[in-house]
Protein backbone atom coordinates (compact mmCIF):
# COMPACT_ATOMS: atom_id res chain seq x y z
CA UNK A 1 -0.05 0.07 0.02
CA UNK A 2 1.43 3.28 -1.12
CA UNK A 3 1.55 6.12 1.51
CA UNK A 4 -1.10 8.75 1.68
CA UNK A 5 0.07 12.16 1.35
CA UNK A 6 -1.93 13.40 4.45
CA UNK A 7 0.18 11.26 6.51
CA UNK A 8 2.98 13.97 6.38
CA UNK A 9 2.79 17.24 7.70
CA UNK A 10 2.83 20.23 5.29
CA UNK A 11 5.70 22.43 4.07
CA UNK A 12 8.16 22.56 1.29
CA UNK A 13 11.97 22.28 2.19
CA UNK A 14 14.34 22.68 -0.49
CA UNK A 15 17.86 21.35 -1.50
CA UNK A 16 20.19 22.93 -3.86
CA UNK A 17 23.29 20.63 -4.71
CA UNK A 18 26.04 22.92 -6.21
CA UNK A 19 27.29 20.22 -8.89
CA UNK A 20 26.43 20.71 -12.67
CA UNK A 21 24.01 17.92 -12.65
CA UNK A 22 22.02 19.41 -9.85
CA UNK A 23 18.17 19.57 -10.15
CA UNK A 24 15.21 22.07 -9.06
CA UNK A 25 12.94 21.58 -6.31
CA UNK A 26 10.36 23.47 -4.49
CA UNK A 27 11.33 26.38 -2.38
CA UNK A 28 11.25 26.43 1.49
CA UNK A 29 13.31 27.65 4.55
CA UNK A 30 16.34 25.35 4.92
CA UNK A 31 16.85 23.67 8.26
CA UNK A 32 13.98 21.27 8.50
CA UNK A 33 14.98 18.80 5.99
CA UNK A 34 16.12 16.17 8.58
CA UNK A 35 12.93 16.14 10.44
CA UNK A 36 10.86 15.92 7.14
CA UNK A 37 13.10 13.06 6.07
CA UNK A 38 12.72 11.10 9.06
CA UNK A 39 8.97 11.74 9.18
CA UNK A 40 8.68 10.76 5.44
CA UNK A 41 10.83 7.62 6.20
CA UNK A 42 8.76 6.63 9.30
CA UNK A 43 5.47 6.75 7.39
CA UNK A 44 6.65 4.94 4.54
CA UNK A 45 7.71 2.20 6.75
CA UNK A 46 4.43 2.29 8.54
CA UNK A 47 2.08 2.35 5.46
CA UNK A 48 4.37 0.33 2.88
CA UNK A 49 6.04 -3.11 2.87
CA UNK A 50 9.61 -1.91 2.98
CA UNK A 51 10.86 -2.87 6.57
CA UNK A 52 11.12 -6.44 6.12
CA UNK A 53 13.31 -5.77 2.83
CA UNK A 54 15.43 -3.41 4.49
CA UNK A 55 16.07 -5.75 7.66
CA UNK A 56 17.18 -8.40 5.07
CA UNK A 57 19.63 -6.00 3.03
CA UNK A 58 20.86 -4.77 6.47
CA UNK A 59 21.98 -8.35 7.50
CA UNK A 60 23.20 -9.05 3.97
CA UNK A 61 24.84 -6.34 2.37
CA UNK A 62 28.44 -6.20 2.31
CA UNK A 63 30.96 -4.12 0.76
CA UNK A 64 32.42 -6.05 -2.37
CA UNK A 65 31.64 -3.59 -4.78
CA UNK A 66 31.18 -6.20 -7.48
CA UNK A 67 28.34 -3.64 -8.85
CA UNK A 68 30.99 -1.46 -10.01
CA UNK A 69 31.81 -3.78 -13.01
CA UNK A 70 28.11 -3.51 -14.18
CA UNK A 71 27.40 0.25 -13.59
CA UNK A 72 27.85 2.11 -16.89
CA UNK A 73 28.01 5.66 -14.64
CA UNK A 74 30.76 4.25 -12.48
CA UNK A 75 32.62 3.05 -15.32
CA UNK A 76 32.83 6.67 -16.79
CA UNK A 77 33.23 8.66 -13.66
CA UNK A 78 35.34 6.54 -11.58
CA UNK A 79 33.70 8.33 -8.61
CA UNK A 80 33.04 6.22 -5.23
CA UNK A 81 29.60 8.12 -4.78
CA UNK A 82 28.56 6.24 -8.09
CA UNK A 83 29.03 2.80 -6.61
CA UNK A 84 25.76 1.33 -6.45
CA UNK A 85 26.25 -0.40 -2.93
CA UNK A 86 27.49 3.14 -1.72
CA UNK A 87 24.13 4.55 -2.27
CA UNK A 88 22.49 1.74 -0.73
CA UNK A 89 24.86 2.02 2.37
CA UNK A 90 23.66 5.67 2.86
CA UNK A 91 20.22 4.82 3.19
CA UNK A 92 20.69 1.63 5.13
CA UNK A 93 22.78 3.43 7.75
CA UNK A 94 20.24 5.97 8.01
CA UNK A 95 17.45 2.90 8.68
CA UNK A 96 19.61 1.37 11.09
CA UNK A 97 20.61 4.55 13.16
CA UNK A 98 16.96 5.64 13.48
CA UNK A 99 14.54 2.82 12.82
CA UNK A 100 16.12 -0.11 14.47
CA UNK A 101 16.51 -1.42 18.23
CA UNK A 102 20.22 -2.22 17.74
CA UNK A 103 20.95 1.10 15.81
CA UNK A 104 19.25 3.14 18.80
CA UNK A 105 21.08 1.31 21.31
CA UNK A 106 24.64 1.67 19.69
CA UNK A 107 23.90 5.43 19.20
CA UNK A 108 24.11 5.64 23.00
CA UNK A 109 27.51 4.85 22.98
CA UNK A 110 28.49 7.25 19.79
CA UNK A 111 27.95 4.74 17.13
CA UNK A 112 26.10 4.69 13.82
CA UNK A 113 25.57 7.54 11.36
CA UNK A 114 23.08 10.09 12.58
CA UNK A 115 20.81 11.80 9.61
CA UNK A 116 22.27 15.56 9.25
CA UNK A 117 21.56 18.40 6.61
CA UNK A 118 24.60 17.18 4.80
CA UNK A 119 23.83 13.68 4.59
CA UNK A 120 20.38 14.47 3.37
CA UNK A 121 21.93 16.88 0.56
CA UNK A 122 24.36 13.73 -0.30
CA UNK A 123 21.20 11.50 -0.60
CA UNK A 124 19.37 13.78 -2.60
CA UNK A 125 22.19 14.30 -5.09
CA UNK A 126 23.41 10.55 -5.31
CA UNK A 127 19.87 9.07 -5.91
CA UNK A 128 19.31 11.30 -9.07
CA UNK A 129 22.99 10.18 -10.45
CA UNK A 130 21.55 7.06 -11.06
CA UNK A 131 19.58 5.59 -13.91
CA UNK A 132 17.80 2.90 -11.95
CA UNK A 133 18.70 0.52 -14.72
CA UNK A 134 19.07 -2.36 -12.55
CA UNK A 135 22.23 -3.64 -14.31
CA UNK A 136 24.00 -3.85 -10.95
CA UNK A 137 21.59 -6.46 -9.99
CA UNK A 138 22.87 -8.92 -12.44
CA UNK A 139 26.53 -8.64 -10.70
CA UNK A 140 25.39 -8.60 -6.89
CA UNK A 141 26.32 -11.94 -5.33
CA UNK A 142 23.67 -11.14 -2.44
CA UNK A 143 20.95 -10.32 -4.61
CA UNK A 144 20.53 -6.75 -3.58
CA UNK A 145 18.43 -4.74 -5.92
CA UNK A 146 20.33 -1.56 -5.31
CA UNK A 147 17.96 0.35 -7.60
CA UNK A 148 15.09 -0.60 -5.35
CA UNK A 149 16.92 1.48 -2.87
CA UNK A 150 17.39 4.37 -5.02
CA UNK A 151 13.60 4.23 -5.65
CA UNK A 152 13.04 4.18 -1.92
CA UNK A 153 15.36 7.18 -1.32
CA UNK A 154 13.72 9.17 -4.11
CA UNK A 155 10.32 8.32 -2.55
CA UNK A 156 11.38 9.37 1.04
CA UNK A 157 12.56 12.67 -0.49
CA UNK A 158 9.75 13.31 -2.64
CA UNK A 159 7.33 12.88 0.40
CA UNK A 160 9.64 15.21 2.04
CA UNK A 161 9.11 17.77 -0.92
CA UNK A 162 12.67 17.22 -2.22
CA UNK A 163 11.92 16.16 -5.79
CA UNK A 164 12.89 17.43 -9.40
CA UNK A 165 10.31 19.86 -10.12
CA UNK A 166 9.64 18.77 -13.53
CA UNK A 167 8.52 15.53 -12.31
CA UNK A 168 6.54 17.11 -9.80
CA UNK A 169 4.66 19.51 -12.44
CA UNK A 170 4.03 16.67 -14.93
CA UNK A 171 2.65 14.40 -12.13
CA UNK A 172 0.35 17.12 -10.84
CA UNK A 173 -1.13 17.85 -14.44
CA UNK A 174 -1.63 14.38 -15.07
CA UNK A 175 -3.47 13.41 -11.69
CA UNK A 176 -5.21 17.00 -11.00
CA UNK A 177 -4.84 19.19 -14.10
CA UNK A 178 -7.15 20.18 -17.02
CA UNK A 179 -5.84 17.81 -19.42
CA UNK A 180 -4.87 14.88 -17.28
CA UNK A 181 -1.81 14.15 -19.09
CA UNK A 182 1.79 14.86 -18.78
CA UNK A 183 2.14 16.79 -21.96
CA UNK A 184 -1.00 18.88 -21.23
CA UNK A 185 -2.25 17.79 -24.75
CA UNK A 186 -6.17 18.59 -24.94
CA UNK A 187 -8.55 16.21 -26.02
CA UNK A 188 -9.40 18.16 -29.13
CA UNK A 189 -5.65 18.41 -30.04
CA UNK A 190 -5.54 14.55 -29.67
CA UNK A 191 -8.49 13.96 -32.05
CA UNK A 192 -7.12 16.60 -34.37
CA UNK A 193 -3.84 14.62 -34.57
CA UNK A 194 -5.53 11.40 -34.86
CA UNK A 195 -7.74 12.48 -37.94
CA UNK A 196 -4.29 13.89 -39.56
CA UNK A 197 -2.56 10.57 -38.99
CA UNK A 198 -5.48 8.51 -40.65
CA UNK A 199 -5.22 11.05 -43.57
CA UNK A 200 -1.41 10.18 -43.66
CA UNK A 201 -2.07 6.63 -43.52
CA UNK A 202 -4.44 6.52 -46.41
CA UNK A 203 -2.27 8.38 -48.43
CA UNK A 204 0.56 6.01 -47.58
CA UNK A 205 -1.47 2.74 -47.60
CA UNK A 206 -4.21 3.49 -49.96
CA UNK A 207 -6.68 1.74 -47.41
CA UNK A 208 -8.70 3.45 -44.48
CA UNK A 209 -6.89 2.69 -41.67
CA UNK A 210 -8.51 4.45 -38.46
CA UNK A 211 -7.63 5.16 -34.96
CA UNK A 212 -11.09 4.36 -32.86
CA UNK A 213 -11.66 6.52 -29.92
CA UNK A 214 -14.03 5.84 -27.15
CA UNK A 215 -15.39 2.73 -28.72
CA UNK A 216 -17.12 0.77 -25.81
CA UNK A 217 -16.77 -3.19 -25.48
CA UNK A 218 -13.51 -3.47 -27.29
CA UNK A 219 -10.93 -6.24 -26.25
CA UNK A 220 -7.94 -3.88 -26.07
CA UNK A 221 -7.95 -0.42 -24.86
CA UNK A 222 -4.62 1.31 -26.10
CA UNK A 223 -2.50 3.47 -23.91
CA UNK A 224 1.04 5.03 -25.24
CA UNK A 225 3.28 7.61 -24.00
CA UNK A 226 1.38 11.22 -24.75
CA UNK A 227 4.38 12.54 -26.20
CA UNK A 228 4.09 9.96 -29.26
CA UNK A 229 0.93 11.88 -30.05
CA UNK A 230 3.08 14.96 -30.75
CA UNK A 231 6.37 13.45 -31.82
CA UNK A 232 6.28 9.92 -33.00
CA UNK A 233 3.78 9.62 -35.80
CA UNK A 234 5.51 6.76 -37.68
CA UNK A 235 5.40 4.77 -34.51
CA UNK A 236 1.69 5.31 -33.83
CA UNK A 237 0.93 4.84 -37.41
CA UNK A 238 2.62 1.60 -37.64
CA UNK A 239 0.68 0.28 -34.43
CA UNK A 240 -2.49 1.29 -36.15
CA UNK A 241 -1.43 -0.76 -39.42
CA UNK A 242 -0.47 -3.81 -37.63
CA UNK A 243 -3.66 -3.85 -35.78
CA UNK A 244 -5.56 -3.37 -39.09
CA UNK A 245 -3.61 -5.97 -41.07
CA UNK A 246 -4.11 -8.72 -38.27
CA UNK A 247 -7.54 -8.23 -38.58
CA UNK A 248 -8.23 -6.69 -35.21
CA UNK A 249 -9.19 -3.08 -36.53
CA UNK A 250 -12.55 -3.66 -34.46
CA UNK A 251 -11.15 -4.89 -31.46
CA UNK A 252 -9.36 -1.99 -30.10
CA UNK A 253 -9.74 1.57 -29.03
CA UNK A 254 -7.92 4.91 -27.72
CA UNK A 255 -9.90 6.25 -24.64
CA UNK A 256 -10.12 10.05 -24.58
CA UNK A 257 -10.75 10.18 -20.88
CA UNK A 258 -7.18 9.14 -20.32
CA UNK A 259 -4.69 8.51 -23.04
CA UNK A 260 -1.31 8.73 -21.41
CA UNK A 261 0.57 5.52 -20.29
CA UNK A 262 3.53 7.68 -18.93
CA UNK A 263 3.92 6.90 -15.12
CA UNK A 264 6.50 8.85 -13.21
CA UNK A 265 5.72 7.29 -9.86
CA UNK A 266 7.62 4.33 -11.04
CA UNK A 267 10.83 6.59 -10.97
CA UNK A 268 10.26 8.32 -7.51
CA UNK A 269 7.03 8.03 -5.70
CA UNK A 270 4.78 4.96 -4.87
CA UNK A 271 1.67 6.80 -3.95
CA UNK A 272 1.88 8.52 -7.50
CA UNK A 273 2.48 5.12 -9.02
CA UNK A 274 -0.63 3.73 -7.65
CA UNK A 275 -2.95 6.51 -8.52
CA UNK A 276 -1.80 6.65 -12.02
CA UNK A 277 -2.35 2.88 -12.24
CA UNK A 278 -5.74 3.55 -10.95
CA UNK A 279 -6.52 6.03 -13.52
CA UNK A 280 -5.31 3.51 -16.19
CA UNK A 281 -7.91 1.04 -14.97
CA UNK A 282 -10.72 3.38 -14.65
CA UNK A 283 -10.40 4.11 -18.37
CA UNK A 284 -10.74 0.66 -19.35
CA UNK A 285 -13.96 0.16 -16.89
CA UNK A 286 -15.46 3.44 -18.29
CA UNK A 287 -14.92 1.79 -21.88
CA UNK A 288 -16.06 -1.68 -20.75
CA UNK A 289 -12.61 -3.03 -22.05
CA UNK A 290 -11.17 -6.26 -21.53
CA UNK A 291 -7.54 -5.91 -21.65
CA UNK A 292 -4.61 -3.05 -21.64
CA UNK A 293 -2.44 -2.73 -24.72
CA UNK A 294 0.66 -0.56 -24.07
CA UNK A 295 2.58 1.12 -26.95
CA UNK A 296 6.37 1.66 -27.49
CA UNK A 297 7.39 2.79 -23.98
CA UNK A 298 9.63 0.77 -21.72
CA UNK A 299 8.49 2.25 -18.07
CA UNK A 300 4.98 2.32 -19.10
CA UNK A 301 4.87 -1.22 -20.23
CA UNK A 302 6.71 -2.26 -17.12
CA UNK A 303 4.67 -0.22 -14.82
CA UNK A 304 1.24 -1.60 -16.24
CA UNK A 305 2.62 -5.05 -16.33
CA UNK A 306 3.78 -5.03 -13.03
CA UNK A 307 1.56 -2.97 -11.03
CA UNK A 308 -1.90 -3.46 -12.59
CA UNK A 309 -2.09 -6.90 -10.99
CA UNK A 310 -0.76 -5.27 -7.74
CA UNK A 311 -3.18 -2.42 -7.29
CA UNK A 312 -6.02 -4.10 -9.50
CA UNK A 313 -6.27 -7.31 -7.50
CA UNK A 314 -9.05 -9.87 -8.69
CA UNK A 315 -10.32 -7.20 -11.17
CA UNK A 316 -6.85 -6.52 -12.58
CA UNK A 317 -7.04 -6.39 -16.54
CA UNK A 318 -4.63 -8.41 -18.64
CA UNK A 319 -1.73 -6.43 -19.93
CA UNK A 320 0.70 -6.71 -22.90
CA UNK A 321 2.97 -4.78 -24.89
CA UNK A 322 2.55 -3.95 -28.55
CA UNK A 323 5.59 -5.29 -29.07
CA UNK A 324 4.57 -8.67 -27.65
CA UNK A 325 1.14 -8.33 -29.68
CA UNK A 326 3.10 -7.81 -32.80
CA UNK A 327 5.20 -10.71 -32.32
CA UNK A 328 2.58 -12.90 -31.65
CA UNK A 329 0.63 -11.64 -34.69
CA UNK A 330 3.68 -12.54 -36.63
CA UNK A 331 4.08 -16.33 -35.34
CA UNK A 332 0.44 -16.69 -35.84
CA UNK A 333 0.89 -15.77 -39.41
CA UNK A 334 -1.43 -13.02 -38.92
CA UNK A 335 0.79 -10.62 -40.55
CA UNK A 336 3.44 -10.53 -43.11
CA UNK A 337 6.78 -8.49 -43.54
CA UNK A 338 8.37 -7.84 -46.69
CA UNK A 339 12.43 -8.61 -46.39
CA UNK A 340 13.21 -6.64 -49.66
CA UNK A 341 12.17 -3.26 -48.21
CA UNK A 342 14.93 -2.51 -45.14
CA UNK A 343 18.43 -2.73 -46.79
CA UNK A 344 20.40 -0.73 -44.32
CA UNK A 345 22.39 -2.11 -41.50
CA UNK A 346 20.24 -2.20 -38.23
CA UNK A 347 20.92 -2.47 -34.56
CA UNK A 348 18.38 -2.78 -31.71
CA UNK A 349 18.49 -1.15 -28.18
CA UNK A 350 17.05 -3.11 -25.21
CA UNK A 351 14.93 -0.63 -22.92
CA UNK A 352 15.93 -1.36 -19.52
CA UNK A 353 12.42 -1.77 -18.06
CA UNK A 354 11.52 -4.41 -20.69
CA UNK A 355 14.57 -6.37 -21.03
CA UNK A 356 16.42 -6.36 -17.74
CA UNK A 357 14.17 -8.86 -16.35
CA UNK A 358 14.19 -11.02 -19.49
CA UNK A 359 10.42 -10.12 -20.11
CA UNK A 360 10.89 -8.71 -23.73
CA UNK A 361 14.22 -9.52 -25.34
CA UNK A 362 13.86 -12.14 -27.85
CA UNK A 363 10.43 -11.05 -29.32
CA UNK A 364 11.49 -7.96 -30.94
CA UNK A 365 14.65 -9.38 -32.53
CA UNK A 366 12.56 -12.23 -34.25
CA UNK A 367 10.27 -9.67 -35.68
CA UNK A 368 13.37 -7.58 -36.96
CA UNK A 369 15.10 -10.60 -38.28
CA UNK A 370 12.03 -11.69 -40.19
CA UNK A 371 12.42 -9.05 -42.68
CA UNK A 372 15.84 -7.01 -41.84
CA UNK A 373 18.75 -8.96 -43.62
CA UNK A 374 21.28 -6.70 -42.23
CA UNK A 375 21.03 -6.82 -38.47
CA UNK A 376 23.72 -6.47 -36.15
CA UNK A 377 23.72 -6.49 -32.03
CA UNK A 378 25.17 -4.25 -29.59
CA UNK A 379 27.47 -5.89 -27.15
CA UNK A 380 26.42 -6.21 -24.57
CA UNK A 381 22.73 -6.57 -25.47
CA UNK A 382 19.63 -8.18 -24.20
CA UNK A 383 19.54 -8.52 -20.09
CA UNK A 384 23.14 -7.09 -19.93
CA UNK A 385 22.25 -4.11 -21.95
CA UNK A 386 23.76 -0.85 -21.19
CA UNK A 387 20.88 1.96 -20.34
CA UNK A 388 20.43 4.73 -22.87
CA UNK A 389 21.38 7.00 -20.15
CA UNK A 390 18.12 8.82 -19.52
CA UNK A 391 16.61 6.08 -17.50
CA UNK A 392 14.97 6.58 -14.15
CA UNK A 393 13.16 9.67 -15.26
CA UNK A 394 16.60 11.61 -16.09
CA UNK A 395 15.47 12.10 -19.72
CA UNK A 396 12.59 14.06 -18.51
CA UNK A 397 14.76 16.59 -16.65
CA UNK A 398 16.18 19.37 -19.05
CA UNK A 399 18.81 20.26 -16.30
CA UNK A 400 20.55 16.77 -16.71
CA UNK A 401 21.12 17.43 -20.30
CA UNK A 402 24.73 17.51 -20.13
CA UNK A 403 25.10 14.80 -17.64
CA UNK A 404 23.29 12.33 -19.96
CA UNK A 405 25.19 13.20 -22.71
CA UNK A 406 28.73 13.29 -21.03
CA UNK A 407 28.27 10.75 -18.42
CA UNK A 408 25.10 8.47 -18.22
CA UNK A 409 24.91 8.09 -22.07
CA UNK A 410 28.52 7.76 -23.11
CA UNK A 411 29.00 4.11 -22.93
CA UNK A 412 25.64 3.73 -24.99
CA UNK A 413 26.99 6.21 -27.43
CA UNK A 414 30.11 4.14 -28.12
CA UNK A 415 28.22 1.01 -28.21
CA UNK A 416 26.02 2.45 -31.00
CA UNK A 417 29.06 3.79 -32.80
CA UNK A 418 30.80 0.48 -32.89
CA UNK A 419 27.96 -1.32 -34.43
CA UNK A 420 28.15 1.01 -37.46
CA UNK A 421 24.51 0.87 -37.91
CA UNK A 422 22.58 3.30 -40.04
CA UNK A 423 19.35 2.57 -37.90
CA UNK A 424 18.79 2.06 -34.24
CA UNK A 425 15.52 0.70 -33.06
CA UNK A 426 14.63 1.63 -29.93
CA UNK A 427 10.79 0.82 -28.76
CA UNK A 428 10.53 3.33 -26.13
CA UNK A 429 9.51 7.03 -25.83
CA UNK A 430 12.18 7.76 -23.28
CA UNK A 431 14.98 5.81 -25.06
CA UNK A 432 14.29 7.29 -28.47
CA UNK A 433 14.48 10.71 -26.85
CA UNK A 434 17.68 10.05 -25.29
CA UNK A 435 19.27 8.40 -28.16
CA UNK A 436 18.34 10.88 -30.75
CA UNK A 437 20.24 13.49 -28.40
CA UNK A 438 23.19 11.13 -28.19
CA UNK A 439 23.57 10.64 -31.69
CA UNK A 440 23.49 14.45 -32.39
CA UNK A 441 25.88 15.17 -29.49
CA UNK A 442 28.39 12.75 -30.63
CA UNK A 443 27.76 12.92 -34.42
CA UNK A 444 26.95 9.40 -34.93
CA UNK A 445 25.81 8.78 -38.44
CA UNK A 446 22.57 6.76 -37.34
CA UNK A 447 19.04 7.30 -37.32
CA UNK A 448 16.85 6.32 -34.50
CA UNK A 449 13.38 5.14 -34.82
CA UNK A 450 10.62 2.71 -33.05
CA UNK A 451 10.06 -0.99 -33.94
CA UNK A 452 6.92 -0.01 -35.73
CA UNK A 453 8.47 2.66 -37.68
CA UNK A 454 10.24 0.09 -39.66
CA UNK A 455 7.34 -2.29 -39.57
CA UNK A 456 4.92 0.40 -41.32
CA UNK A 457 7.43 0.41 -44.18
CA UNK A 458 7.68 -3.54 -44.73
CA UNK A 459 3.83 -4.40 -43.62
CA UNK A 460 2.31 -6.71 -46.45
CA UNK A 461 -1.65 -5.82 -46.50
CA UNK A 462 -3.51 -7.01 -49.51
CA UNK A 463 -4.86 -4.21 -51.42
CA UNK A 464 -2.56 -1.78 -49.97
CA UNK A 465 0.32 0.11 -51.61
CA UNK A 466 3.37 -2.25 -52.56
CA UNK A 467 5.89 -1.90 -49.48
CA UNK A 468 8.78 -0.82 -51.83
CA UNK A 469 6.42 2.09 -53.16
CA UNK A 470 6.04 2.82 -49.61
CA UNK A 471 9.39 2.92 -48.73
CA UNK A 472 10.44 5.30 -51.43
CA UNK A 473 7.45 7.53 -50.35
CA UNK A 474 8.46 7.72 -46.84
CA UNK A 475 12.25 8.15 -47.57
CA UNK A 476 11.12 11.48 -49.67
CA UNK A 477 9.35 12.54 -46.63
CA UNK A 478 12.82 12.24 -44.47
CA UNK A 479 14.57 14.38 -46.88
């Protein structure tokens, strides 16, 4: 159960790290951050399920630093503060000192780390240097999920009103604002954009492919990152074209009451996470839908897949990613892809939120290899992939741009360069944004697209324009 905000006293402390990767937070008189941090920690321990996990980690955690070999940030900086278990120790030390009997007893004799204003500052800085990509979890011999502790640290800080302002503003608009989505896209603009995309699809395919809106009783209610409606037209058109080609044009719909799959709560606040998942399920209920279909977005897919069952209980709706759906259609022979269309060298980036657990790794590769003849892997890839550098919400914070380019994304940029690929497929809204910025920053001759961007070019539909002609038309649009 996530912590209710009313459990904490009102106020709004601030922290202003002086380093160039600092972030903005709400303003308030300094000096009460220790009290608010401890109050938030106590409330989360009371209302949440973290205490048992923290006790286990306190008993198990060592200082072997095996995680250094897997952390892409530490490998660039060499800064001890970027060692995953260092951050974990900071939080666990506070827990032991202030929330365990042994810590209290030891403190009577001058032992243990007491929480100070300086330590709050350090925690606020270090937890936002991490991409929360969970790559370190692959190396930890004790099975410590350091990214989960980063999340907990961010959660505590956010409930103490210490959090990046950009995330606060976006979540406030999504949950309480006029448009109820993170990009402040009005319903009228959504409808207008979809009508425009339908015209584009008809011109491209020669067939009337539609984006159904507010159709009740459909099997699948579609949610994507709302930014896709503004910036990823080819991805959305590819989604609709696959559903049309598979014979499911009458089985899906977009809901105009909630059309944003973004869930920033996954990055930093369980209470927001739960409320956003609740809104997702409310929209499916409103439309009398039967399942949830998530577009090309790593964190949106993971948050729905993992937390709709948690917060939905017995009434939880089945969840699938559009990548899974397309793979299943291909395996069942419901769609066909023309292998003569994509001639460039293509590589694939694994979004951490889908690949780290092993959930979606082989499916997109099977789809790509079915029609891309010149496919090359990044190394490492799959579960061991490097984060794009914008994970954990960092890509949404404009003030972290230099940090994302020079530190968090440096290994990914080098990895991409070494493939010598002309096209990088990244089925995630956040990854695409970060990778496009990396390609520009490092001047890598590679184009970043979604999985369904390429599928749109190669999809074979009876009665539609020949894929090769479609490819030529789309190529002219890029010029």
